[in-house]
Structures are given as C-alpha cells and as structure tokens.
Amino acid sequence: MPTEQAVNPWLQLPIIPYLLIFLIFYFLVIKPQRDKQRQHKDTLKNLKKNDEVVTAAGIHGIVALVKETTVMVRVDDNVKIEFDKEAIASVVKAKD
C-alpha cells in the first residue's frame, strides 16, 4: 500500500501568476507614480524668484519670494498670495 506524502500547500497555490500580475502592476502604475513624485519634489526644491508657476487651484503667477515651506506668488500688480510649496502644481517657465 503506497504511503501518502505530505503535500506542501504553497505548491498548490498558483503563486507565479500573482507575482507576474504584481510585477506588471508595479512597472505600469507604482514606479511611474513614484518617479513623478520625485520629479515634482525636485522641481519644488529648485523653485526660485521670477519662475512662472501654476498652482493646484489653477492660479497662474510669478514667484516673488521663496521661503522654507511657502512661496509668495505675484498674480497681478501689487497682488501677492502666499502658498504652501506643495500647492505649486507646475513651473511653466523657469527663469535662468
């Protein structure tokens, strides 16, 4: 009479397709998002006076003053608004 061998439950799971799905998900979603966040962080770090920016609210303006955590943006003559640096969505033109 043949003896039954103990079967490892991990061998019964189809783990390879799950790993492939995770790898595809990582390279299509997670890695590009992480790269985009890193690029945005570098953009905020290199923000300087006279850069033309767009805020997350869609306000266009020119950077008048850069502080440690905030930015003063000139939106019109004699009108300046202070924003958190994270509220800057993009730099339209960087002044060299």
N, C-alpha and C. Protein backbone atom coordinates (compact mmCIF):
# COMPACT_ATOMS: atom_id res chain seq x y z
N MET A 1 0.82 -1.17 0.00
CA MET A 1 0.00 0.00 0.00
C MET A 1 0.88 1.26 0.00
N PRO A 2 0.67 2.15 -0.98
CA PRO A 2 1.53 3.35 -1.05
C PRO A 2 1.20 4.33 0.08
N THR A 3 2.23 4.88 0.61
CA THR A 3 2.03 5.88 1.67
C THR A 3 1.83 7.25 1.03
N GLU A 4 0.94 8.00 1.64
CA GLU A 4 0.68 9.36 1.12
C GLU A 4 1.73 10.30 1.67
N GLN A 5 2.26 11.10 0.79
CA GLN A 5 3.26 12.08 1.21
C GLN A 5 2.55 13.39 1.57
N ALA A 6 3.12 14.10 2.51
CA ALA A 6 2.55 15.41 2.89
C ALA A 6 2.81 16.39 1.75
N VAL A 7 1.75 17.02 1.31
CA VAL A 7 1.86 17.96 0.20
C VAL A 7 1.99 19.36 0.77
N ASN A 8 2.97 20.07 0.29
CA ASN A 8 3.18 21.45 0.72
C ASN A 8 2.06 22.31 0.14
N PRO A 9 1.30 23.03 1.00
CA PRO A 9 0.19 23.83 0.47
C PRO A 9 0.64 24.97 -0.43
N TRP A 10 1.88 25.43 -0.29
CA TRP A 10 2.37 26.53 -1.14
C TRP A 10 2.53 26.06 -2.59
N LEU A 11 2.76 24.79 -2.77
CA LEU A 11 2.92 24.30 -4.13
C LEU A 11 1.58 24.20 -4.86
N GLN A 12 0.51 24.15 -4.10
CA GLN A 12 -0.81 24.06 -4.72
C GLN A 12 -1.34 25.42 -5.15
N LEU A 13 -0.79 26.51 -4.60
CA LEU A 13 -1.26 27.85 -4.96
C LEU A 13 -0.64 28.28 -6.29
N PRO A 14 -1.41 28.90 -7.11
CA PRO A 14 -0.83 29.43 -8.36
C PRO A 14 -0.14 30.77 -8.08
N ILE A 15 1.02 30.72 -7.42
CA ILE A 15 1.68 31.94 -6.98
C ILE A 15 2.39 32.68 -8.11
N ILE A 16 2.85 31.97 -9.10
CA ILE A 16 3.59 32.61 -10.20
C ILE A 16 2.71 33.60 -10.97
N PRO A 17 1.47 33.29 -11.31
CA PRO A 17 0.65 34.31 -11.98
C PRO A 17 0.42 35.55 -11.11
N TYR A 18 0.28 35.36 -9.79
CA TYR A 18 0.11 36.52 -8.91
C TYR A 18 1.37 37.39 -8.89
N LEU A 19 2.52 36.76 -8.88
CA LEU A 19 3.77 37.51 -8.93
C LEU A 19 3.91 38.28 -10.23
N LEU A 20 3.53 37.65 -11.33
CA LEU A 20 3.59 38.33 -12.62
C LEU A 20 2.64 39.53 -12.67
N ILE A 21 1.45 39.34 -12.13
CA ILE A 21 0.48 40.45 -12.09
C ILE A 21 1.03 41.58 -11.24
N PHE A 22 1.63 41.27 -10.09
CA PHE A 22 2.21 42.31 -9.25
C PHE A 22 3.34 43.04 -9.95
N LEU A 23 4.22 42.31 -10.64
CA LEU A 23 5.33 42.95 -11.35
C LEU A 23 4.82 43.88 -12.45
N ILE A 24 3.83 43.43 -13.20
CA ILE A 24 3.25 44.27 -14.24
C ILE A 24 2.62 45.52 -13.62
N PHE A 25 1.86 45.33 -12.54
CA PHE A 25 1.24 46.45 -11.84
C PHE A 25 2.31 47.42 -11.33
N TYR A 26 3.40 46.89 -10.79
CA TYR A 26 4.47 47.73 -10.26
C TYR A 26 5.07 48.61 -11.37
N PHE A 27 5.40 48.01 -12.50
CA PHE A 27 6.07 48.76 -13.56
C PHE A 27 5.13 49.67 -14.33
N LEU A 28 3.84 49.38 -14.32
CA LEU A 28 2.89 50.24 -15.04
C LEU A 28 2.26 51.32 -14.17
N VAL A 29 2.19 51.12 -12.86
CA VAL A 29 1.49 52.07 -12.00
C VAL A 29 2.39 52.65 -10.91
N ILE A 30 2.99 51.80 -10.11
CA ILE A 30 3.71 52.28 -8.92
C ILE A 30 4.99 53.02 -9.28
N LYS A 31 5.82 52.45 -10.11
CA LYS A 31 7.10 53.08 -10.45
C LYS A 31 6.93 54.42 -11.17
N PRO A 32 6.05 54.55 -12.17
CA PRO A 32 5.89 55.86 -12.79
C PRO A 32 5.36 56.92 -11.81
N GLN A 33 4.47 56.53 -10.91
CA GLN A 33 3.95 57.49 -9.93
C GLN A 33 5.05 57.94 -8.98
N ARG A 34 5.88 57.01 -8.55
CA ARG A 34 6.99 57.35 -7.66
C ARG A 34 7.98 58.27 -8.37
N ASP A 35 8.28 58.01 -9.64
CA ASP A 35 9.17 58.88 -10.40
C ASP A 35 8.59 60.27 -10.56
N LYS A 36 7.28 60.35 -10.81
CA LYS A 36 6.62 61.64 -10.96
C LYS A 36 6.67 62.43 -9.65
N GLN A 37 6.46 61.76 -8.51
CA GLN A 37 6.53 62.44 -7.22
C GLN A 37 7.95 62.94 -6.95
N ARG A 38 8.95 62.15 -7.29
CA ARG A 38 10.34 62.55 -7.10
C ARG A 38 10.67 63.76 -7.96
N GLN A 39 10.18 63.78 -9.21
CA GLN A 39 10.43 64.90 -10.11
C GLN A 39 9.74 66.16 -9.58
N HIS A 40 8.52 66.05 -9.08
CA HIS A 40 7.80 67.20 -8.54
C HIS A 40 8.52 67.75 -7.30
N LYS A 41 9.03 66.86 -6.46
CA LYS A 41 9.78 67.27 -5.27
C LYS A 41 11.04 68.03 -5.67
N ASP A 42 11.74 67.56 -6.68
CA ASP A 42 12.94 68.25 -7.17
C ASP A 42 12.58 69.61 -7.76
N THR A 43 11.45 69.69 -8.46
CA THR A 43 11.01 70.96 -9.03
C THR A 43 10.74 71.97 -7.92
N LEU A 44 10.09 71.54 -6.86
CA LEU A 44 9.80 72.45 -5.74
C LEU A 44 11.08 72.87 -5.03
N LYS A 45 12.03 71.97 -4.95
CA LYS A 45 13.29 72.28 -4.30
C LYS A 45 14.07 73.33 -5.09
N ASN A 46 13.95 73.30 -6.43
CA ASN A 46 14.70 74.23 -7.29
C ASN A 46 13.90 75.48 -7.65
N LEU A 47 12.79 75.71 -6.99
CA LEU A 47 11.95 76.87 -7.26
C LEU A 47 12.70 78.14 -6.86
N LYS A 48 12.66 79.16 -7.73
CA LYS A 48 13.35 80.40 -7.42
C LYS A 48 12.55 81.60 -7.89
N LYS A 49 13.00 82.77 -7.51
CA LYS A 49 12.31 84.02 -7.84
C LYS A 49 12.20 84.18 -9.35
N ASN A 50 11.07 84.74 -9.79
CA ASN A 50 10.75 85.03 -11.19
C ASN A 50 10.39 83.80 -12.02
N ASP A 51 10.22 82.65 -11.40
CA ASP A 51 9.72 81.48 -12.13
C ASP A 51 8.21 81.66 -12.33
N GLU A 52 7.73 81.33 -13.52
CA GLU A 52 6.29 81.36 -13.78
C GLU A 52 5.73 80.01 -13.37
N VAL A 53 4.70 80.04 -12.50
CA VAL A 53 4.16 78.81 -11.94
C VAL A 53 2.65 78.76 -12.09
N VAL A 54 2.11 77.55 -11.95
CA VAL A 54 0.67 77.32 -11.89
C VAL A 54 0.42 76.55 -10.60
N THR A 55 -0.54 77.01 -9.81
CA THR A 55 -0.85 76.34 -8.55
C THR A 55 -1.84 75.20 -8.80
N ALA A 56 -2.07 74.42 -7.77
CA ALA A 56 -3.03 73.32 -7.86
C ALA A 56 -4.44 73.85 -8.09
N ALA A 57 -4.70 75.09 -7.67
CA ALA A 57 -6.02 75.70 -7.87
C ALA A 57 -6.16 76.32 -9.25
N GLY A 58 -5.07 76.31 -10.03
CA GLY A 58 -5.12 76.85 -11.38
C GLY A 58 -4.74 78.31 -11.47
N ILE A 59 -4.19 78.87 -10.42
CA ILE A 59 -3.78 80.27 -10.42
C ILE A 59 -2.40 80.38 -11.05
N HIS A 60 -2.29 81.25 -12.05
CA HIS A 60 -1.02 81.50 -12.71
C HIS A 60 -0.37 82.72 -12.09
N GLY A 61 0.94 82.67 -11.93
CA GLY A 61 1.64 83.81 -11.35
C GLY A 61 3.13 83.64 -11.45
N ILE A 62 3.82 84.63 -10.90
CA ILE A 62 5.28 84.66 -10.92
C ILE A 62 5.76 84.64 -9.48
N VAL A 63 6.74 83.81 -9.20
CA VAL A 63 7.27 83.68 -7.84
C VAL A 63 7.97 84.98 -7.45
N ALA A 64 7.53 85.56 -6.34
CA ALA A 64 8.14 86.80 -5.84
C ALA A 64 9.13 86.52 -4.72
N LEU A 65 8.85 85.49 -3.91
CA LEU A 65 9.71 85.17 -2.78
C LEU A 65 9.56 83.70 -2.44
N VAL A 66 10.69 83.06 -2.20
CA VAL A 66 10.68 81.64 -1.81
C VAL A 66 11.13 81.54 -0.37
N LYS A 67 10.26 80.98 0.47
CA LYS A 67 10.61 80.74 1.87
C LYS A 67 10.86 79.24 2.03
N GLU A 68 11.04 78.81 3.28
CA GLU A 68 11.36 77.40 3.51
C GLU A 68 10.20 76.48 3.13
N THR A 69 8.98 76.81 3.55
CA THR A 69 7.83 75.94 3.26
C THR A 69 6.76 76.63 2.42
N THR A 70 6.90 77.92 2.19
CA THR A 70 5.88 78.66 1.43
C THR A 70 6.52 79.44 0.29
N VAL A 71 5.66 79.91 -0.60
CA VAL A 71 6.09 80.68 -1.75
C VAL A 71 5.13 81.86 -1.91
N MET A 72 5.67 83.06 -2.11
CA MET A 72 4.84 84.23 -2.42
C MET A 72 4.75 84.31 -3.94
N VAL A 73 3.51 84.31 -4.45
CA VAL A 73 3.29 84.34 -5.89
C VAL A 73 2.59 85.66 -6.24
N ARG A 74 3.18 86.38 -7.18
CA ARG A 74 2.58 87.63 -7.67
C ARG A 74 1.62 87.26 -8.79
N VAL A 75 0.32 87.55 -8.59
CA VAL A 75 -0.69 87.19 -9.57
C VAL A 75 -1.15 88.39 -10.38
N ASP A 76 -0.89 89.62 -9.88
CA ASP A 76 -1.25 90.85 -10.58
C ASP A 76 -0.39 91.96 -10.00
N ASP A 77 -0.50 93.16 -10.55
CA ASP A 77 0.25 94.28 -9.99
C ASP A 77 -0.17 94.50 -8.55
N ASN A 78 0.80 94.53 -7.66
CA ASN A 78 0.60 94.75 -6.23
C ASN A 78 -0.29 93.71 -5.56
N VAL A 79 -0.44 92.53 -6.15
CA VAL A 79 -1.21 91.45 -5.53
C VAL A 79 -0.31 90.23 -5.41
N LYS A 80 -0.05 89.86 -4.16
CA LYS A 80 0.78 88.68 -3.89
C LYS A 80 0.01 87.75 -2.98
N ILE A 81 0.09 86.45 -3.27
CA ILE A 81 -0.58 85.44 -2.47
C ILE A 81 0.48 84.45 -1.99
N GLU A 82 0.38 84.07 -0.73
CA GLU A 82 1.32 83.11 -0.18
C GLU A 82 0.72 81.70 -0.24
N PHE A 83 1.46 80.79 -0.84
CA PHE A 83 1.04 79.39 -0.99
C PHE A 83 2.03 78.47 -0.31
N ASP A 84 1.57 77.31 0.12
CA ASP A 84 2.50 76.25 0.51
C ASP A 84 3.23 75.80 -0.75
N LYS A 85 4.46 75.36 -0.59
CA LYS A 85 5.20 74.89 -1.76
C LYS A 85 4.50 73.72 -2.45
N GLU A 86 3.84 72.87 -1.66
CA GLU A 86 3.16 71.71 -2.23
C GLU A 86 1.98 72.10 -3.10
N ALA A 87 1.50 73.35 -2.98
CA ALA A 87 0.37 73.82 -3.79
C ALA A 87 0.81 74.21 -5.19
N ILE A 88 2.10 74.28 -5.44
CA ILE A 88 2.60 74.59 -6.78
C ILE A 88 2.54 73.33 -7.61
N ALA A 89 1.69 73.36 -8.64
CA ALA A 89 1.50 72.17 -9.47
C ALA A 89 2.58 72.02 -10.52
N SER A 90 2.97 73.13 -11.14
CA SER A 90 4.00 73.04 -12.17
C SER A 90 4.68 74.39 -12.38
N VAL A 91 5.87 74.32 -12.94
CA VAL A 91 6.62 75.51 -13.31
C VAL A 91 6.48 75.65 -14.83
N VAL A 92 5.88 76.77 -15.26
CA VAL A 92 5.68 76.98 -16.69
C VAL A 92 6.98 77.39 -17.35
N LYS A 93 7.62 78.41 -16.81
CA LYS A 93 8.91 78.86 -17.34
C LYS A 93 9.83 79.11 -16.16
N ALA A 94 10.97 78.46 -16.20
CA ALA A 94 11.98 78.71 -15.16
C ALA A 94 12.88 79.82 -15.64
N LYS A 95 13.04 80.82 -14.80
CA LYS A 95 13.93 81.95 -15.13
C LYS A 95 15.35 81.52 -14.86
N ASP A 96 16.20 81.57 -15.87
CA ASP A 96 17.61 81.15 -15.69
C ASP A 96 18.48 82.24 -15.17
